[in-house]
Amino acid sequence: MDNKMKAVIAGVIGLVVMTTVIFSLNGKSTPAALAENFIKTVKDWATAVETAENKEEIKDATKEAISEINELIPKAIVDLSSYVEGYGGFAELSKPSNSAAMIGEFQSTIKEWEDLERRLNNISPEIVDKNQKIISTMNDKDYEEMVKFTLDAFVNMVKIISEDKKSMGAVNALAKEIALSFGNEKFTPLKKEDIDKMVSDYKKRYENISYDELVKRLRKDFRFLEDIL
């Protein structure tokens, strides 16, 4: 696959990985429909990419997946906080007895994800060849468009979180749990202004840069993408 398309796909994968982790922990408080919607989004994206006949169809499918996942994340954060709280915090959640119970709670979600993963890993050579030819028609303008769309979607998602008291409460509850797990008992709650500044700085770091510079920054900021890009 063309390296530039890998960068675009990597952005989606990053969101998918983060949301998968959230749903994997959410057997208690997340409605089943929410997890099903997430998996459906990924399936629909995979189908759209497999059946695409031109670059615009691939771009549109990717944009739709990004938008739908971004809509799910704010609620997932609230539910994850509720889940962790229900177990008495990360320290309690990590105990073997609770870990075993947790695994049992989301077996069906794991199976669905594994089925989807097998599907993605077994795409026919004909479809792979077709997609490579389509992707080869994408130029720098197409990639710049995708990066801008992803950044804007991310900013809008965080804005929804920062402006909602319940979501911000969940963010701070999770952040405090993470801080405590590292022995930091002096956690200072985040404010809306703190979140907004972080997002603004993040967006400035990634907007209006060349493709080569984009890849360098992604590799530096998200080391798990090094083998993808």
C-alpha atoms as a PDB file:
ATOM      1  CA  MET A   1       0.000   0.000   0.000  1.00  0.00           C
ATOM      2  CA  ASP A   2       1.172   3.510  -0.777  1.00  0.00           C
ATOM      3  CA  ASN A   3       2.882   5.082   2.265  1.00  0.00           C
ATOM      4  CA  LYS A   4       0.742   8.208   2.094  1.00  0.00           C
ATOM      5  CA  MET A   5      -2.444   6.187   2.273  1.00  0.00           C
ATOM      6  CA  LYS A   6      -0.935   4.325   5.210  1.00  0.00           C
ATOM      7  CA  ALA A   7      -0.736   7.649   7.055  1.00  0.00           C
ATOM      8  CA  VAL A   8      -4.402   8.372   6.362  1.00  0.00           C
ATOM      9  CA  ILE A   9      -5.433   4.866   7.411  1.00  0.00           C
ATOM     10  CA  ALA A  10      -3.195   5.141  10.483  1.00  0.00           C
ATOM     11  CA  GLY A  11      -5.244   8.090  11.710  1.00  0.00           C
ATOM     12  CA  VAL A  12      -8.376   5.977  11.553  1.00  0.00           C
ATOM     13  CA  ILE A  13      -6.577   3.012  13.131  1.00  0.00           C
ATOM     14  CA  GLY A  14      -5.478   5.250  15.993  1.00  0.00           C
ATOM     15  CA  LEU A  15      -9.079   6.179  16.734  1.00  0.00           C
ATOM     16  CA  VAL A  16     -10.181   2.580  16.317  1.00  0.00           C
ATOM     17  CA  VAL A  17      -7.516   1.274  18.707  1.00  0.00           C
ATOM     18  CA  MET A  18      -8.383   3.829  21.374  1.00  0.00           C
ATOM     19  CA  THR A  19     -12.090   3.180  21.089  1.00  0.00           C
ATOM     20  CA  THR A  20     -11.565  -0.600  21.013  1.00  0.00           C
ATOM     21  CA  VAL A  21      -9.749  -0.385  24.347  1.00  0.00           C
ATOM     22  CA  ILE A  22     -12.631   1.648  25.769  1.00  0.00           C
ATOM     23  CA  PHE A  23     -15.267  -0.797  24.586  1.00  0.00           C
ATOM     24  CA  SER A  24     -13.171  -3.746  25.719  1.00  0.00           C
ATOM     25  CA  LEU A  25     -13.474  -2.464  29.277  1.00  0.00           C
ATOM     26  CA  ASN A  26     -17.092  -1.495  29.140  1.00  0.00           C
ATOM     27  CA  GLY A  27     -19.103  -4.625  29.856  1.00  0.00           C
ATOM     28  CA  LYS A  28     -20.959  -3.107  32.823  1.00  0.00           C
ATOM     29  CA  SER A  29     -21.972   0.401  31.917  1.00  0.00           C
ATOM     30  CA  THR A  30     -21.924   0.625  28.143  1.00  0.00           C
ATOM     31  CA  PRO A  31     -25.188  -0.316  26.414  1.00  0.00           C
ATOM     32  CA  ALA A  32     -24.683  -3.184  23.990  1.00  0.00           C
ATOM     33  CA  ALA A  33     -25.996  -0.997  21.178  1.00  0.00           C
ATOM     34  CA  LEU A  34     -23.079   1.412  21.614  1.00  0.00           C
ATOM     35  CA  ALA A  35     -20.476  -1.333  21.177  1.00  0.00           C
ATOM     36  CA  GLU A  36     -22.415  -2.719  18.226  1.00  0.00           C
ATOM     37  CA  ASN A  37     -22.484   0.726  16.602  1.00  0.00           C
ATOM     38  CA  PHE A  38     -18.720   0.986  16.901  1.00  0.00           C
ATOM     39  CA  ILE A  39     -18.076  -2.397  15.315  1.00  0.00           C
ATOM     40  CA  LYS A  40     -20.653  -1.638  12.630  1.00  0.00           C
ATOM     41  CA  THR A  41     -18.805   1.586  11.805  1.00  0.00           C
ATOM     42  CA  VAL A  42     -15.554  -0.301  11.252  1.00  0.00           C
ATOM     43  CA  LYS A  43     -17.312  -2.987   9.189  1.00  0.00           C
ATOM     44  CA  ASP A  44     -19.017  -0.372   7.020  1.00  0.00           C
ATOM     45  CA  TRP A  45     -15.695   1.404   6.497  1.00  0.00           C
ATOM     46  CA  ALA A  46     -13.982  -1.852   5.488  1.00  0.00           C
ATOM     47  CA  THR A  47     -16.797  -2.707   3.062  1.00  0.00           C
ATOM     48  CA  ALA A  48     -16.733   0.770   1.523  1.00  0.00           C
ATOM     49  CA  VAL A  49     -12.968   0.642   1.009  1.00  0.00           C
ATOM     50  CA  GLU A  50     -13.171  -2.861  -0.479  1.00  0.00           C
ATOM     51  CA  THR A  51     -15.891  -1.868  -2.956  1.00  0.00           C
ATOM     52  CA  ALA A  52     -14.568   1.631  -3.774  1.00  0.00           C
ATOM     53  CA  GLU A  53     -14.102   2.417  -7.449  1.00  0.00           C
ATOM     54  CA  ASN A  54     -12.218   5.705  -7.077  1.00  0.00           C
ATOM     55  CA  LYS A  55     -10.291   7.810  -4.572  1.00  0.00           C
ATOM     56  CA  GLU A  56     -13.292   9.993  -3.714  1.00  0.00           C
ATOM     57  CA  GLU A  57     -15.203   6.940  -2.471  1.00  0.00           C
ATOM     58  CA  ILE A  58     -12.267   5.917  -0.263  1.00  0.00           C
ATOM     59  CA  LYS A  59     -11.950   9.453   1.099  1.00  0.00           C
ATOM     60  CA  ASP A  60     -15.681   9.702   1.777  1.00  0.00           C
ATOM     61  CA  ALA A  61     -15.732   6.330   3.557  1.00  0.00           C
ATOM     62  CA  THR A  62     -12.789   7.323   5.736  1.00  0.00           C
ATOM     63  CA  LYS A  63     -14.361  10.670   6.615  1.00  0.00           C
ATOM     64  CA  GLU A  64     -17.616   8.991   7.570  1.00  0.00           C
ATOM     65  CA  ALA A  65     -15.817   6.480   9.802  1.00  0.00           C
ATOM     66  CA  ILE A  66     -13.876   9.245  11.540  1.00  0.00           C
ATOM     67  CA  SER A  67     -17.070  11.224  12.135  1.00  0.00           C
ATOM     68  CA  GLU A  68     -19.002   8.255  13.517  1.00  0.00           C
ATOM     69  CA  ILE A  69     -16.194   7.135  15.836  1.00  0.00           C
ATOM     70  CA  ASN A  70     -15.773  10.685  17.112  1.00  0.00           C
ATOM     71  CA  GLU A  71     -19.461  10.747  17.983  1.00  0.00           C
ATOM     72  CA  LEU A  72     -19.076   7.567  20.050  1.00  0.00           C
ATOM     73  CA  ILE A  73     -15.983   8.556  22.040  1.00  0.00           C
ATOM     74  CA  PRO A  74     -17.517  11.212  24.375  1.00  0.00           C
ATOM     75  CA  LYS A  75     -20.108   8.753  25.690  1.00  0.00           C
ATOM     76  CA  ALA A  76     -17.522   5.979  25.871  1.00  0.00           C
ATOM     77  CA  ILE A  77     -15.340   8.149  28.127  1.00  0.00           C
ATOM     78  CA  VAL A  78     -18.238   8.684  30.533  1.00  0.00           C
ATOM     79  CA  ASP A  79     -19.042   4.974  30.530  1.00  0.00           C
ATOM     80  CA  LEU A  80     -15.401   3.979  31.036  1.00  0.00           C
ATOM     81  CA  SER A  81     -15.185   6.276  34.065  1.00  0.00           C
ATOM     82  CA  SER A  82     -18.365   4.731  35.458  1.00  0.00           C
ATOM     83  CA  TYR A  83     -16.996   1.248  34.838  1.00  0.00           C
ATOM     84  CA  VAL A  84     -13.684   1.915  36.609  1.00  0.00           C
ATOM     85  CA  GLU A  85     -15.510   3.584  39.504  1.00  0.00           C
ATOM     86  CA  GLY A  86     -17.795   0.565  39.790  1.00  0.00           C
ATOM     87  CA  TYR A  87     -14.766  -1.633  40.442  1.00  0.00           C
ATOM     88  CA  GLY A  88     -13.281   0.802  42.951  1.00  0.00           C
ATOM     89  CA  GLY A  89     -10.559   2.215  40.717  1.00  0.00           C
ATOM     90  CA  PHE A  90      -7.782   0.900  38.485  1.00  0.00           C
ATOM     91  CA  ALA A  91      -5.983  -0.750  41.406  1.00  0.00           C
ATOM     92  CA  GLU A  92      -9.012  -2.908  42.187  1.00  0.00           C
ATOM     93  CA  LEU A  93      -9.749  -3.495  38.499  1.00  0.00           C
ATOM     94  CA  SER A  94      -6.255  -4.904  37.955  1.00  0.00           C
ATOM     95  CA  LYS A  95      -6.670  -7.606  40.603  1.00  0.00           C
ATOM     96  CA  PRO A  96      -6.820 -11.120  39.096  1.00  0.00           C
ATOM     97  CA  SER A  97     -10.328 -11.803  40.393  1.00  0.00           C
ATOM     98  CA  ASN A  98     -11.719  -8.636  38.851  1.00  0.00           C
ATOM     99  CA  SER A  99      -9.714  -9.070  35.637  1.00  0.00           C
ATOM    100  CA  ALA A 100     -11.236 -12.505  35.149  1.00  0.00           C
ATOM    101  CA  ALA A 101     -14.734 -11.128  35.672  1.00  0.00           C
ATOM    102  CA  MET A 102     -14.041  -8.279  33.277  1.00  0.00           C
ATOM    103  CA  ILE A 103     -12.852 -10.635  30.542  1.00  0.00           C
ATOM    104  CA  GLY A 104     -16.013 -12.664  30.922  1.00  0.00           C
ATOM    105  CA  GLU A 105     -18.142  -9.563  30.519  1.00  0.00           C
ATOM    106  CA  PHE A 106     -16.902  -8.660  27.060  1.00  0.00           C
ATOM    107  CA  GLN A 107     -16.230 -12.050  25.452  1.00  0.00           C
ATOM    108  CA  SER A 108     -18.847 -11.400  22.779  1.00  0.00           C
ATOM    109  CA  THR A 109     -17.245  -8.046  21.899  1.00  0.00           C
ATOM    110  CA  ILE A 110     -13.821  -9.677  21.639  1.00  0.00           C
ATOM    111  CA  LYS A 111     -15.197 -12.360  19.317  1.00  0.00           C
ATOM    112  CA  GLU A 112     -16.828  -9.781  17.038  1.00  0.00           C
ATOM    113  CA  TRP A 113     -13.608  -7.797  16.872  1.00  0.00           C
ATOM    114  CA  GLU A 114     -11.537 -10.930  16.152  1.00  0.00           C
ATOM    115  CA  ASP A 115     -13.933 -11.863  13.335  1.00  0.00           C
ATOM    116  CA  LEU A 116     -13.531  -8.391  11.856  1.00  0.00           C
ATOM    117  CA  GLU A 117      -9.753  -8.546  12.238  1.00  0.00           C
ATOM    118  CA  ARG A 118      -9.647 -11.872  10.390  1.00  0.00           C
ATOM    119  CA  ARG A 119     -11.716 -10.347   7.622  1.00  0.00           C
ATOM    120  CA  LEU A 120      -9.349  -7.386   7.294  1.00  0.00           C
ATOM    121  CA  ASN A 121      -6.327  -9.679   7.259  1.00  0.00           C
ATOM    122  CA  ASN A 122      -7.749 -11.892   4.527  1.00  0.00           C
ATOM    123  CA  ILE A 123      -8.749  -9.427   1.825  1.00  0.00           C
ATOM    124  CA  SER A 124      -8.430 -11.016  -1.590  1.00  0.00           C
ATOM    125  CA  PRO A 125      -5.367 -10.160  -3.733  1.00  0.00           C
ATOM    126  CA  GLU A 126      -7.718  -8.809  -6.415  1.00  0.00           C
ATOM    127  CA  ILE A 127      -9.224  -6.241  -4.046  1.00  0.00           C
ATOM    128  CA  VAL A 128      -5.802  -5.314  -2.679  1.00  0.00           C
ATOM    129  CA  ASP A 129      -4.503  -4.751  -6.216  1.00  0.00           C
ATOM    130  CA  LYS A 130      -7.560  -2.685  -7.157  1.00  0.00           C
ATOM    131  CA  ASN A 131      -7.227  -0.498  -4.063  1.00  0.00           C
ATOM    132  CA  GLN A 132      -3.520   0.033  -4.641  1.00  0.00           C
ATOM    133  CA  LYS A 133      -4.284   1.334  -8.132  1.00  0.00           C
ATOM    134  CA  ILE A 134      -6.953   3.689  -6.767  1.00  0.00           C
ATOM    135  CA  ILE A 135      -4.701   4.924  -3.964  1.00  0.00           C
ATOM    136  CA  SER A 136      -1.901   5.618  -6.437  1.00  0.00           C
ATOM    137  CA  THR A 137      -4.139   8.314  -7.962  1.00  0.00           C
ATOM    138  CA  MET A 138      -4.208  10.292  -4.703  1.00  0.00           C
ATOM    139  CA  ASN A 139      -2.026  13.390  -4.610  1.00  0.00           C
ATOM    140  CA  ASP A 140      -0.728  15.779  -1.937  1.00  0.00           C
ATOM    141  CA  LYS A 141      -3.933  17.809  -2.097  1.00  0.00           C
ATOM    142  CA  ASP A 142      -5.989  14.710  -1.277  1.00  0.00           C
ATOM    143  CA  TYR A 143      -3.822  13.930   1.744  1.00  0.00           C
ATOM    144  CA  GLU A 144      -3.913  17.517   2.947  1.00  0.00           C
ATOM    145  CA  GLU A 145      -7.715  17.365   2.711  1.00  0.00           C
ATOM    146  CA  MET A 146      -7.831  14.197   4.824  1.00  0.00           C
ATOM    147  CA  VAL A 147      -5.462  15.588   7.442  1.00  0.00           C
ATOM    148  CA  LYS A 148      -7.513  18.786   7.736  1.00  0.00           C
ATOM    149  CA  PHE A 149     -10.752  16.825   8.033  1.00  0.00           C
ATOM    150  CA  THR A 150      -9.298  14.581  10.751  1.00  0.00           C
ATOM    151  CA  LEU A 151      -7.926  17.531  12.717  1.00  0.00           C
ATOM    152  CA  ASP A 152     -11.219  19.430  12.507  1.00  0.00           C
ATOM    153  CA  ALA A 153     -13.181  16.339  13.564  1.00  0.00           C
ATOM    154  CA  PHE A 154     -10.839  15.816  16.516  1.00  0.00           C
ATOM    155  CA  VAL A 155     -11.181  19.445  17.622  1.00  0.00           C
ATOM    156  CA  ASN A 156     -14.969  19.291  17.398  1.00  0.00           C
ATOM    157  CA  MET A 157     -15.060  16.050  19.400  1.00  0.00           C
ATOM    158  CA  VAL A 158     -12.924  17.481  22.196  1.00  0.00           C
ATOM    159  CA  LYS A 159     -15.022  20.650  22.207  1.00  0.00           C
ATOM    160  CA  ILE A 160     -18.111  18.512  22.853  1.00  0.00           C
ATOM    161  CA  ILE A 161     -16.305  16.860  25.778  1.00  0.00           C
ATOM    162  CA  SER A 162     -14.898  20.071  27.281  1.00  0.00           C
ATOM    163  CA  GLU A 163     -18.262  21.847  27.169  1.00  0.00           C
ATOM    164  CA  ASP A 164     -20.165  19.022  28.873  1.00  0.00           C
ATOM    165  CA  LYS A 165     -19.891  18.870  32.692  1.00  0.00           C
ATOM    166  CA  LYS A 166     -20.559  15.143  32.822  1.00  0.00           C
ATOM    167  CA  SER A 167     -17.890  14.386  30.232  1.00  0.00           C
ATOM    168  CA  MET A 168     -15.353  16.653  31.917  1.00  0.00           C
ATOM    169  CA  GLY A 169     -16.106  14.991  35.235  1.00  0.00           C
ATOM    170  CA  ALA A 170     -15.398  11.627  33.641  1.00  0.00           C
ATOM    171  CA  VAL A 171     -12.158  12.893  32.059  1.00  0.00           C
ATOM    172  CA  ASN A 172     -10.927  14.167  35.427  1.00  0.00           C
ATOM    173  CA  ALA A 173     -11.990  11.000  37.231  1.00  0.00           C
ATOM    174  CA  LEU A 174     -10.029   8.870  34.762  1.00  0.00           C
ATOM    175  CA  ALA A 175      -7.049  11.229  34.791  1.00  0.00           C
ATOM    176  CA  LYS A 176      -6.986  11.104  38.597  1.00  0.00           C
ATOM    177  CA  GLU A 177      -7.088   7.292  38.561  1.00  0.00           C
ATOM    178  CA  ILE A 178      -4.207   7.200  36.092  1.00  0.00           C
ATOM    179  CA  ALA A 179      -2.222   9.682  38.208  1.00  0.00           C
ATOM    180  CA  LEU A 180      -2.822   7.612  41.353  1.00  0.00           C
ATOM    181  CA  SER A 181      -1.742   4.439  39.580  1.00  0.00           C
ATOM    182  CA  PHE A 182       1.635   6.145  39.004  1.00  0.00           C
ATOM    183  CA  GLY A 183       1.859   7.276  42.618  1.00  0.00           C
ATOM    184  CA  ASN A 184       0.892  10.891  41.964  1.00  0.00           C
ATOM    185  CA  GLU A 185      -1.508  11.948  44.710  1.00  0.00           C
ATOM    186  CA  LYS A 186      -1.424  15.654  43.832  1.00  0.00           C
ATOM    187  CA  PHE A 187      -3.619  15.514  40.758  1.00  0.00           C
ATOM    188  CA  THR A 188      -5.043  18.875  39.693  1.00  0.00           C
ATOM    189  CA  PRO A 189      -8.395  18.624  37.853  1.00  0.00           C
ATOM    190  CA  LEU A 190      -8.368  19.773  34.264  1.00  0.00           C
ATOM    191  CA  LYS A 191     -10.478  22.767  33.275  1.00  0.00           C
ATOM    192  CA  LYS A 192     -12.202  23.437  29.980  1.00  0.00           C
ATOM    193  CA  GLU A 193      -9.515  26.022  29.197  1.00  0.00           C
ATOM    194  CA  ASP A 194      -6.771  23.417  29.732  1.00  0.00           C
ATOM    195  CA  ILE A 195      -8.408  20.979  27.323  1.00  0.00           C
ATOM    196  CA  ASP A 196      -9.047  23.666  24.718  1.00  0.00           C
ATOM    197  CA  LYS A 197      -5.410  24.806  24.847  1.00  0.00           C
ATOM    198  CA  MET A 198      -4.123  21.261  24.477  1.00  0.00           C
ATOM    199  CA  VAL A 199      -6.282  20.756  21.402  1.00  0.00           C
ATOM    200  CA  SER A 200      -5.297  24.111  19.932  1.00  0.00           C
ATOM    201  CA  ASP A 201      -1.604  23.299  20.382  1.00  0.00           C
ATOM    202  CA  TYR A 202      -2.126  19.832  18.888  1.00  0.00           C
ATOM    203  CA  LYS A 203      -3.896  21.230  15.848  1.00  0.00           C
ATOM    204  CA  LYS A 204      -1.194  23.851  15.259  1.00  0.00           C
ATOM    205  CA  ARG A 205       1.413  21.099  15.386  1.00  0.00           C
ATOM    206  CA  TYR A 206      -0.212  19.178  12.563  1.00  0.00           C
ATOM    207  CA  GLU A 207      -1.884  21.672  10.273  1.00  0.00           C
ATOM    208  CA  ASN A 208      -0.307  23.267   7.211  1.00  0.00           C
ATOM    209  CA  ILE A 209       2.703  20.942   7.069  1.00  0.00           C
ATOM    210  CA  SER A 210       4.092  18.810   4.266  1.00  0.00           C
ATOM    211  CA  TYR A 211       3.349  15.118   4.022  1.00  0.00           C
ATOM    212  CA  ASP A 212       6.928  14.154   4.914  1.00  0.00           C
ATOM    213  CA  GLU A 213       6.838  16.355   8.018  1.00  0.00           C
ATOM    214  CA  LEU A 214       3.447  14.887   8.954  1.00  0.00           C
ATOM    215  CA  VAL A 215       4.872  11.359   8.930  1.00  0.00           C
ATOM    216  CA  LYS A 216       7.876  12.435  11.045  1.00  0.00           C
ATOM    217  CA  ARG A 217       5.628  13.993  13.679  1.00  0.00           C
ATOM    218  CA  LEU A 218       3.225  11.056  13.741  1.00  0.00           C
ATOM    219  CA  ARG A 219       6.140   8.677  14.265  1.00  0.00           C
ATOM    220  CA  LYS A 220       7.486  10.840  17.082  1.00  0.00           C
ATOM    221  CA  ASP A 221       4.142  11.437  18.836  1.00  0.00           C
ATOM    222  CA  PHE A 222       2.635   7.977  18.297  1.00  0.00           C
ATOM    223  CA  ARG A 223       5.449   5.443  18.381  1.00  0.00           C
ATOM    224  CA  PHE A 224       3.080   2.525  17.804  1.00  0.00           C
ATOM    225  CA  LEU A 225       2.652   3.843  14.218  1.00  0.00           C
ATOM    226  CA  GLU A 226       6.356   3.465  13.398  1.00  0.00           C
ATOM    227  CA  ASP A 227       5.864   0.064  11.812  1.00  0.00           C
ATOM    228  CA  ILE A 228       2.846   1.279   9.831  1.00  0.00           C
ATOM    229  CA  LEU A 229       4.234   4.486   8.339  1.00  0.00           C
END
